[in-house]
Protein backbone atom coordinates (compact mmCIF):
# COMPACT_ATOMS: atom_id res chain seq x y z
CA MET A 1 7.42 14.57 -18.24
CA GLU A 2 3.85 14.36 -17.13
CA THR A 3 3.66 13.10 -13.08
CA PHE A 4 1.27 11.33 -11.60
CA LYS A 5 -0.74 13.81 -9.86
CA GLU A 6 -0.29 15.44 -13.95
CA ARG A 7 -2.72 13.10 -15.04
CA ASP A 8 -6.30 12.25 -15.34
CA TRP A 9 -7.90 9.97 -14.31
CA ALA A 10 -8.39 7.84 -17.64
CA THR A 11 -4.12 8.65 -18.73
CA ARG A 12 -3.25 6.76 -15.22
CA LYS A 13 -5.83 3.80 -15.53
CA ASN A 14 -4.59 3.61 -19.13
CA GLY A 15 -0.58 3.80 -18.31
CA ASP A 16 2.15 1.40 -17.50
CA PHE A 17 1.88 2.47 -13.67
CA PHE A 18 -1.14 0.90 -12.74
CA ASP A 19 -1.33 -2.24 -11.10
CA HIS A 20 3.21 -1.58 -10.48
CA SER A 21 3.38 -1.76 -7.35
CA GLU A 22 0.82 -4.96 -7.46
CA ASN A 23 3.01 -6.78 -10.35
CA LYS A 24 6.25 -6.59 -8.50
CA PHE A 25 4.35 -8.13 -5.80
CA GLU A 26 3.66 -11.12 -7.70
CA GLN A 27 7.67 -11.10 -8.97
CA HIS A 28 9.05 -10.19 -5.46
CA TRP A 29 7.05 -12.17 -3.20
CA ASP A 30 8.25 -15.38 -2.44
CA GLY A 31 5.42 -17.56 -1.47
CA PRO A 32 1.86 -18.03 -1.85
CA TYR A 33 -0.78 -15.68 -3.18
CA ALA A 34 -4.17 -14.72 -3.50
CA HIS A 35 -5.90 -11.83 -4.95
CA PHE A 36 -8.04 -10.55 -2.52
CA GLY A 37 -9.79 -7.23 -3.23
CA PHE A 38 -10.66 -5.40 -6.08
CA GLY A 39 -8.27 -4.88 -9.06
CA ALA A 40 -8.63 -5.03 -13.16
CA ALA A 41 -10.83 -7.56 -12.44
CA THR A 42 -14.01 -5.42 -10.76
CA GLU A 43 -12.83 -2.94 -12.46
CA GLY A 44 -16.02 -2.50 -15.73
CA MET A 45 -18.41 -2.28 -11.71
CA ALA A 46 -18.62 0.66 -9.31
CA THR A 47 -16.51 -0.91 -6.12
CA TYR A 48 -16.39 2.46 -5.16
CA LYS A 49 -19.89 3.17 -4.27
CA MET A 50 -19.73 -0.37 -1.84
CA SER A 51 -19.78 0.61 1.72
CA PRO A 52 -15.52 1.93 2.49
CA PHE A 53 -15.01 -1.17 3.96
CA VAL A 54 -15.61 -3.75 1.47
CA SER A 55 -14.28 -0.37 -1.11
CA HIS A 56 -11.30 -0.84 0.95
CA THR A 57 -10.77 -4.48 1.33
CA PRO A 58 -7.73 -4.82 1.29
CA ASP A 59 -4.73 -6.21 -1.89
CA TYR A 60 -3.53 -9.43 -1.04
CA ILE A 61 -3.68 -12.59 1.44
CA ALA A 62 -0.67 -14.34 1.39
CA ALA A 63 1.73 -16.50 3.13
CA THR A 64 5.22 -16.94 3.66
CA SER A 65 5.30 -20.78 2.73
CA PRO A 66 2.59 -23.06 2.17
CA GLU A 67 2.54 -24.51 6.15
CA ALA A 68 2.79 -20.72 7.08
CA ARG A 69 -0.52 -18.53 8.83
CA PRO A 70 -0.89 -16.53 6.13
CA VAL A 71 -1.19 -12.33 6.21
CA LEU A 72 -3.17 -9.66 4.76
CA VAL A 73 -1.55 -7.07 2.57
CA GLU A 74 -1.94 -3.79 1.10
CA VAL A 75 0.55 -2.98 -1.32
CA GLN A 76 1.23 0.41 -2.33
CA GLY A 77 4.77 1.77 -4.72
CA THR A 78 6.29 5.32 -4.68
CA GLY A 79 5.44 5.43 -8.78
CA LYS A 80 8.52 6.76 -10.52
CA GLY A 81 7.06 10.81 -9.20
CA GLY A 82 6.82 9.89 -6.35
CA SER A 83 9.19 12.70 -4.24
CA ASN A 84 7.99 15.66 -2.59
CA ASN A 85 10.66 18.84 -3.19
CA GLY A 86 13.42 16.21 -4.25
CA VAL A 87 12.22 13.76 -0.95
CA ILE A 88 10.17 10.34 -2.36
CA THR A 89 7.56 9.30 -0.26
CA HIS A 90 4.75 6.24 0.73
CA LYS A 91 1.36 7.96 0.39
CA PHE A 92 -1.41 6.71 3.07
CA LYS A 93 -4.74 7.64 2.14
CA ALA A 94 -6.75 9.09 5.00
CA LYS A 95 -10.02 6.99 4.45
CA LYS A 96 -9.01 4.17 3.08
CA LEU A 97 -5.84 4.00 6.73
CA ASP A 98 -9.83 3.50 8.42
CA CYS A 99 -11.12 0.76 6.30
CA LEU A 100 -7.82 -0.70 6.99
CA GLY A 101 -7.97 -0.65 10.43
CA LYS A 102 -11.72 -1.67 10.62
CA TRP A 103 -9.33 -4.86 8.97
CA ASN A 104 -6.99 -5.14 11.53
CA VAL A 105 -9.19 -5.99 14.23
CA LEU A 106 -10.26 -9.20 11.97
CA ASP A 107 -6.49 -10.36 11.42
CA GLU A 108 -3.64 -8.55 10.08
CA VAL A 109 -3.07 -5.79 7.99
CA THR A 110 0.20 -5.88 6.19
CA PHE A 111 2.22 -2.83 3.59
CA TRP A 112 4.18 -4.54 1.19
CA LEU A 113 5.32 -0.76 0.05
CA TRP A 114 7.80 -0.95 -3.07
CA GLU A 115 9.93 2.28 -3.86
CA ASP A 116 9.79 2.86 -7.77
CA SER A 117 13.97 4.71 -7.68
CA THR A 118 15.25 1.63 -5.85
CA GLN A 119 14.35 -1.24 -6.93
CA THR A 120 13.12 -1.84 -3.07
CA PHE A 121 10.04 -3.03 -1.17
CA VAL A 122 9.44 -2.58 2.60
CA TRP A 123 6.63 -5.24 4.52
CA THR A 124 5.80 -3.41 7.25
CA SER A 125 1.93 -4.00 9.67
CA TYR A 126 -0.85 -1.51 9.16
CA VAL A 127 -0.56 -0.33 12.77
CA SER A 128 3.47 0.77 12.85
CA VAL A 129 2.58 2.89 10.17
CA ARG A 130 -0.56 4.31 12.18
CA LEU A 131 1.97 4.87 15.47
CA MET A 132 4.31 6.71 12.09
CA ILE A 133 1.47 8.71 11.91
CA ALA A 134 0.73 9.87 15.39
CA ARG A 135 4.58 10.14 16.27
CA GLY A 136 4.48 13.24 13.64
CA LEU A 137 7.34 10.98 11.97
CA GLY A 138 4.90 12.07 8.57
CA SER A 139 3.13 15.54 6.96
CA MET A 140 -0.05 15.81 5.95
CA GLY A 141 -1.82 16.32 1.99
CA THR A 142 -4.58 16.25 -0.72
CA PHE A 143 -4.87 14.24 -3.74
CA ASP A 144 -6.79 16.38 -6.41
CA GLY A 145 -6.99 18.84 -3.18
CA LYS A 146 -9.99 16.62 -1.67
CA ARG A 147 -9.22 13.52 -0.33
CA PRO A 148 -6.19 13.54 2.66
CA TYR A 149 -3.45 11.48 2.71
CA HIS A 150 -0.79 10.98 5.16
CA GLU A 151 2.76 10.66 3.57
CA ILE A 152 6.01 9.49 5.08
CA PRO A 153 9.48 9.87 3.91
CA VAL A 154 10.59 5.86 2.29
CA GLY A 155 13.50 5.75 5.04
CA VAL A 156 11.55 6.37 7.70
CA VAL A 157 9.37 3.99 7.04
CA ALA A 158 12.56 1.51 6.49
CA GLU A 159 13.67 2.36 9.65
CA HIS A 160 10.47 1.83 11.32
CA ALA A 161 9.20 -0.26 9.75
CA ASP A 162 8.43 -4.17 11.81
CA THR A 163 9.43 -6.65 9.05
CA ALA A 164 11.61 -8.37 11.92
CA ARG A 165 8.59 -8.53 13.74
CA LEU A 166 6.21 -9.59 10.58
CA ARG A 167 8.99 -12.47 9.81
CA GLY A 168 9.13 -13.93 13.40
CA LYS A 169 4.96 -14.18 13.81
CA TYR A 170 5.32 -14.95 9.56
CA GLY A 171 7.17 -17.31 9.19
CA ARG A 172 10.10 -15.79 7.14
């Protein structure tokens, strides 16, 4: 079976994995949420030609309850072929991380990270992910040989996630 990175863009886009993690988020998030970033609704537009800050808008605005303070949520997943030498990792595109850092100055950005092989998720903050990278808990790679990303093993992300702090702050 062909892995995600072996597929061309048209195959990736039309496959069952496009919005896969977003669908999992919508199934598992306990509180209210709304689409915030670009997605299927803007598929017919060249949003990549907009400023990186705008084109890398977080995916959702979500709250743990109707009365709780909302938070920005970027949703990502490992997919079914998300392993590197047998280690399943979360990959964070460098350009997207830089833009999410600007969003994080305005309002806290969090990551809801789906792990397909275990059907589990981790909720952590942008700052937590940046700290993992700064501490050397992951490695670098490139998509298609040109777009750099940081990858961190899912177990490391789960171990260093600041989920308890987020639950305390946002009410879950």
